Amino acid sequence: MTLTEPEYQDCVWYRNGMRAKQKAARLSHEAAEPMFIVHDKRTGMFGVGAGGNEPSWCHESRGFKLLRVIRPKEN
């Protein structure tokens, strides 16, 4: 399964950063795909999406910051 470049709308957004981290770790393990976590500085929300790199729309100038990429431990 190949992943295309994720869009802003392709993320699941959480208010709680710990919940976003836990969800990303679980999804990464279950799907055997890397998951990223971004922070929207304007709204304070944390986005979880599929992908192993920083999305093209995630820029400091737009108010987004890549926090972490979680990779599956085993495939």
C-alpha atoms as a PDB file:
ATOM      1  CA  MET A   1       0.000   0.000   0.000  1.00  0.00           C
ATOM      2  CA  THR A   2       1.479   3.333  -0.995  1.00  0.00           C
ATOM      3  CA  LEU A   3       0.439   6.542   0.621  1.00  0.00           C
ATOM      4  CA  THR A   4      -0.032   9.759  -1.301  1.00  0.00           C
ATOM      5  CA  GLU A   5       0.867  13.140   0.157  1.00  0.00           C
ATOM      6  CA  PRO A   6      -1.594  13.737   3.031  1.00  0.00           C
ATOM      7  CA  GLU A   7      -3.713  16.878   3.065  1.00  0.00           C
ATOM      8  CA  TYR A   8      -4.676  18.961   6.078  1.00  0.00           C
ATOM      9  CA  GLN A   9      -8.129  17.357   6.027  1.00  0.00           C
ATOM     10  CA  ASP A  10      -6.639  13.826   6.071  1.00  0.00           C
ATOM     11  CA  CYS A  11      -5.588  14.198   9.710  1.00  0.00           C
ATOM     12  CA  VAL A  12      -7.566  13.260  12.796  1.00  0.00           C
ATOM     13  CA  TRP A  13      -7.397  16.172  15.227  1.00  0.00           C
ATOM     14  CA  TYR A  14      -7.215  15.981  19.017  1.00  0.00           C
ATOM     15  CA  ARG A  15      -7.142  18.619  21.754  1.00  0.00           C
ATOM     16  CA  ASN A  16      -5.053  16.409  24.025  1.00  0.00           C
ATOM     17  CA  GLY A  17      -1.461  15.850  22.867  1.00  0.00           C
ATOM     18  CA  MET A  18      -1.041  12.639  24.871  1.00  0.00           C
ATOM     19  CA  ARG A  19      -4.142  11.159  23.278  1.00  0.00           C
ATOM     20  CA  ALA A  20      -2.792  12.053  19.819  1.00  0.00           C
ATOM     21  CA  LYS A  21       0.526  10.359  20.628  1.00  0.00           C
ATOM     22  CA  GLN A  22      -1.192   7.199  21.886  1.00  0.00           C
ATOM     23  CA  LYS A  23      -3.479   7.044  18.844  1.00  0.00           C
ATOM     24  CA  ALA A  24      -0.561   7.523  16.434  1.00  0.00           C
ATOM     25  CA  ALA A  25       1.421   4.748  18.142  1.00  0.00           C
ATOM     26  CA  ARG A  26      -1.511   2.355  18.033  1.00  0.00           C
ATOM     27  CA  LEU A  27      -2.327   3.101  14.395  1.00  0.00           C
ATOM     28  CA  SER A  28       1.317   2.775  13.391  1.00  0.00           C
ATOM     29  CA  HIS A  29       1.505  -0.637  15.041  1.00  0.00           C
ATOM     30  CA  GLU A  30      -1.794  -1.897  13.594  1.00  0.00           C
ATOM     31  CA  ALA A  31      -1.294  -0.558  10.055  1.00  0.00           C
ATOM     32  CA  ALA A  32       2.479  -1.188   9.936  1.00  0.00           C
ATOM     33  CA  GLU A  33       2.846   2.328   8.479  1.00  0.00           C
ATOM     34  CA  PRO A  34       4.553   5.423   9.894  1.00  0.00           C
ATOM     35  CA  MET A  35       2.294   8.080  11.405  1.00  0.00           C
ATOM     36  CA  PHE A  36       3.081  11.760  11.974  1.00  0.00           C
ATOM     37  CA  ILE A  37       1.901  14.147  14.672  1.00  0.00           C
ATOM     38  CA  VAL A  38       1.619  17.863  13.928  1.00  0.00           C
ATOM     39  CA  HIS A  39       0.657  20.760  16.176  1.00  0.00           C
ATOM     40  CA  ASP A  40      -1.588  23.568  14.950  1.00  0.00           C
ATOM     41  CA  LYS A  41      -0.306  26.521  16.972  1.00  0.00           C
ATOM     42  CA  ARG A  42      -3.318  28.703  16.163  1.00  0.00           C
ATOM     43  CA  THR A  43      -5.971  26.313  17.490  1.00  0.00           C
ATOM     44  CA  GLY A  44      -3.845  24.259  19.881  1.00  0.00           C
ATOM     45  CA  MET A  45      -4.971  21.022  18.207  1.00  0.00           C
ATOM     46  CA  PHE A  46      -2.767  17.993  17.479  1.00  0.00           C
ATOM     47  CA  GLY A  47      -3.179  16.217  14.143  1.00  0.00           C
ATOM     48  CA  VAL A  48      -2.405  12.559  13.460  1.00  0.00           C
ATOM     49  CA  GLY A  49      -1.934  11.392   9.895  1.00  0.00           C
ATOM     50  CA  ALA A  50      -0.341   8.631   7.838  1.00  0.00           C
ATOM     51  CA  GLY A  51       3.113   9.280   6.441  1.00  0.00           C
ATOM     52  CA  GLY A  52       6.778   9.056   7.218  1.00  0.00           C
ATOM     53  CA  ASN A  53       7.773  12.648   6.448  1.00  0.00           C
ATOM     54  CA  GLU A  54       6.664  16.168   7.197  1.00  0.00           C
ATOM     55  CA  PRO A  55       3.642  17.009   5.011  1.00  0.00           C
ATOM     56  CA  SER A  56       4.123  19.781   2.453  1.00  0.00           C
ATOM     57  CA  TRP A  57       1.456  21.930   4.125  1.00  0.00           C
ATOM     58  CA  CYS A  58       3.154  21.764   7.544  1.00  0.00           C
ATOM     59  CA  HIS A  59       5.183  24.988   7.829  1.00  0.00           C
ATOM     60  CA  GLU A  60       6.033  27.223  10.764  1.00  0.00           C
ATOM     61  CA  SER A  61       4.885  30.211   8.682  1.00  0.00           C
ATOM     62  CA  ARG A  62       1.413  28.644   8.387  1.00  0.00           C
ATOM     63  CA  GLY A  63       1.234  27.923  12.117  1.00  0.00           C
ATOM     64  CA  PHE A  64       1.989  24.185  11.997  1.00  0.00           C
ATOM     65  CA  LYS A  65       4.866  22.272  13.539  1.00  0.00           C
ATOM     66  CA  LEU A  66       5.834  18.630  13.027  1.00  0.00           C
ATOM     67  CA  LEU A  67       6.209  17.104  16.466  1.00  0.00           C
ATOM     68  CA  ARG A  68       7.072  13.517  15.709  1.00  0.00           C
ATOM     69  CA  VAL A  69       7.002  10.654  13.226  1.00  0.00           C
ATOM     70  CA  ILE A  70       6.161   7.325  14.826  1.00  0.00           C
ATOM     71  CA  ARG A  71       7.381   4.274  12.924  1.00  0.00           C
ATOM     72  CA  PRO A  72       6.168   0.725  13.521  1.00  0.00           C
ATOM     73  CA  LYS A  73       8.564  -1.395  15.547  1.00  0.00           C
ATOM     74  CA  GLU A  74       7.886  -4.569  13.539  1.00  0.00           C
ATOM     75  CA  ASN A  75       6.495  -5.288  10.104  1.00  0.00           C
END
